[in-house]
Amino acid sequence: MSDQYRTPDLIQGKVLAALPWEGGCKTEAVARYASLDEDTVRRALEDLLRRRMVTIDDQNYWRKKPLD
């Protein structure tokens, strides 16, 4: 795990897999789908945001970034 991220790649991958391609999810829903606690999911989503793999909108919905 890189020192710049707070969660391991495995957890980030599990969280990313729980996000749907269409629409978005709130943190609580992602935690439920990934079977992880909400704090871990929030840290993983913040790490994925730093990696520019997800976005968050003004209503706190997390979304996967489309592949370019």
C-alpha atoms as a PDB file:
ATOM      1  CA  MET A   1       0.000   0.000   0.000  1.00  0.00           C
ATOM      2  CA  SER A   2       1.292   3.419  -0.879  1.00  0.00           C
ATOM      3  CA  ASP A   3       1.865   5.853   1.987  1.00  0.00           C
ATOM      4  CA  GLN A   4      -0.283   8.486   0.287  1.00  0.00           C
ATOM      5  CA  TYR A   5      -3.468   6.372   0.567  1.00  0.00           C
ATOM      6  CA  ARG A   6      -5.184   5.461   3.814  1.00  0.00           C
ATOM      7  CA  THR A   7      -6.767   2.205   2.634  1.00  0.00           C
ATOM      8  CA  PRO A   8      -5.292  -0.848   0.899  1.00  0.00           C
ATOM      9  CA  ASP A   9      -5.851  -1.398  -2.824  1.00  0.00           C
ATOM     10  CA  LEU A  10      -7.978  -4.456  -2.052  1.00  0.00           C
ATOM     11  CA  ILE A  11     -10.475  -2.390  -0.033  1.00  0.00           C
ATOM     12  CA  GLN A  12     -10.496   0.354  -2.668  1.00  0.00           C
ATOM     13  CA  GLY A  13     -11.225  -2.262  -5.339  1.00  0.00           C
ATOM     14  CA  LYS A  14     -14.078  -3.740  -3.329  1.00  0.00           C
ATOM     15  CA  VAL A  15     -15.596  -0.273  -2.831  1.00  0.00           C
ATOM     16  CA  LEU A  16     -15.155   0.602  -6.509  1.00  0.00           C
ATOM     17  CA  ALA A  17     -16.836  -2.662  -7.516  1.00  0.00           C
ATOM     18  CA  ALA A  18     -19.822  -1.821  -5.282  1.00  0.00           C
ATOM     19  CA  LEU A  19     -20.463   1.451  -7.135  1.00  0.00           C
ATOM     20  CA  PRO A  20     -22.849   1.163 -10.097  1.00  0.00           C
ATOM     21  CA  TRP A  21     -21.839   2.522 -13.523  1.00  0.00           C
ATOM     22  CA  GLU A  22     -25.154   4.342 -13.916  1.00  0.00           C
ATOM     23  CA  GLY A  23     -26.344   6.787 -11.283  1.00  0.00           C
ATOM     24  CA  GLY A  24     -24.557   6.937  -7.976  1.00  0.00           C
ATOM     25  CA  CYS A  25     -24.694   5.880  -4.350  1.00  0.00           C
ATOM     26  CA  LYS A  26     -24.394   7.489  -0.976  1.00  0.00           C
ATOM     27  CA  THR A  27     -21.679   6.263   1.385  1.00  0.00           C
ATOM     28  CA  GLU A  28     -24.150   4.223   3.444  1.00  0.00           C
ATOM     29  CA  ALA A  29     -25.346   2.295   0.380  1.00  0.00           C
ATOM     30  CA  VAL A  30     -21.801   1.582  -0.799  1.00  0.00           C
ATOM     31  CA  ALA A  31     -20.947   0.282   2.680  1.00  0.00           C
ATOM     32  CA  ARG A  32     -23.983  -1.997   2.605  1.00  0.00           C
ATOM     33  CA  TYR A  33     -23.189  -3.338  -0.902  1.00  0.00           C
ATOM     34  CA  ALA A  34     -19.494  -3.851  -0.110  1.00  0.00           C
ATOM     35  CA  SER A  35     -20.217  -5.397   3.328  1.00  0.00           C
ATOM     36  CA  LEU A  36     -17.785  -2.988   4.998  1.00  0.00           C
ATOM     37  CA  ASP A  37     -18.170  -0.455   7.779  1.00  0.00           C
ATOM     38  CA  GLU A  38     -19.013   3.090   6.789  1.00  0.00           C
ATOM     39  CA  ASP A  39     -15.749   4.663   8.041  1.00  0.00           C
ATOM     40  CA  THR A  40     -13.635   2.284   5.969  1.00  0.00           C
ATOM     41  CA  VAL A  41     -15.775   2.949   2.898  1.00  0.00           C
ATOM     42  CA  ARG A  42     -15.543   6.718   3.387  1.00  0.00           C
ATOM     43  CA  ARG A  43     -11.722   6.554   3.619  1.00  0.00           C
ATOM     44  CA  ALA A  44     -11.566   4.306   0.541  1.00  0.00           C
ATOM     45  CA  LEU A  45     -13.837   6.653  -1.432  1.00  0.00           C
ATOM     46  CA  GLU A  46     -11.660   9.618  -0.446  1.00  0.00           C
ATOM     47  CA  ASP A  47      -8.607   7.678  -1.666  1.00  0.00           C
ATOM     48  CA  LEU A  48     -10.381   6.849  -4.932  1.00  0.00           C
ATOM     49  CA  LEU A  49     -11.282  10.524  -5.282  1.00  0.00           C
ATOM     50  CA  ARG A  50      -7.572  11.404  -4.938  1.00  0.00           C
ATOM     51  CA  ARG A  51      -6.827   8.839  -7.640  1.00  0.00           C
ATOM     52  CA  ARG A  52      -9.529  10.482  -9.797  1.00  0.00           C
ATOM     53  CA  MET A  53     -11.445   7.234 -10.150  1.00  0.00           C
ATOM     54  CA  VAL A  54     -14.684   8.522  -8.592  1.00  0.00           C
ATOM     55  CA  THR A  55     -16.506  11.826  -8.249  1.00  0.00           C
ATOM     56  CA  ILE A  56     -18.900  13.211  -5.671  1.00  0.00           C
ATOM     57  CA  ASP A  57     -21.727  15.598  -6.473  1.00  0.00           C
ATOM     58  CA  ASP A  58     -23.382  18.301  -4.399  1.00  0.00           C
ATOM     59  CA  GLN A  59     -25.925  15.810  -3.022  1.00  0.00           C
ATOM     60  CA  ASN A  60     -23.202  13.475  -1.681  1.00  0.00           C
ATOM     61  CA  TYR A  61     -23.668  10.829  -4.354  1.00  0.00           C
ATOM     62  CA  TRP A  62     -20.490   8.985  -5.314  1.00  0.00           C
ATOM     63  CA  ARG A  63     -20.072   8.051  -8.973  1.00  0.00           C
ATOM     64  CA  LYS A  64     -17.469   6.181 -11.007  1.00  0.00           C
ATOM     65  CA  LYS A  65     -15.645   8.403 -13.465  1.00  0.00           C
ATOM     66  CA  PRO A  66     -16.206   7.321 -17.055  1.00  0.00           C
ATOM     67  CA  LEU A  67     -13.240   5.763 -18.817  1.00  0.00           C
ATOM     68  CA  ASP A  68     -11.647   8.145 -21.292  1.00  0.00           C
END
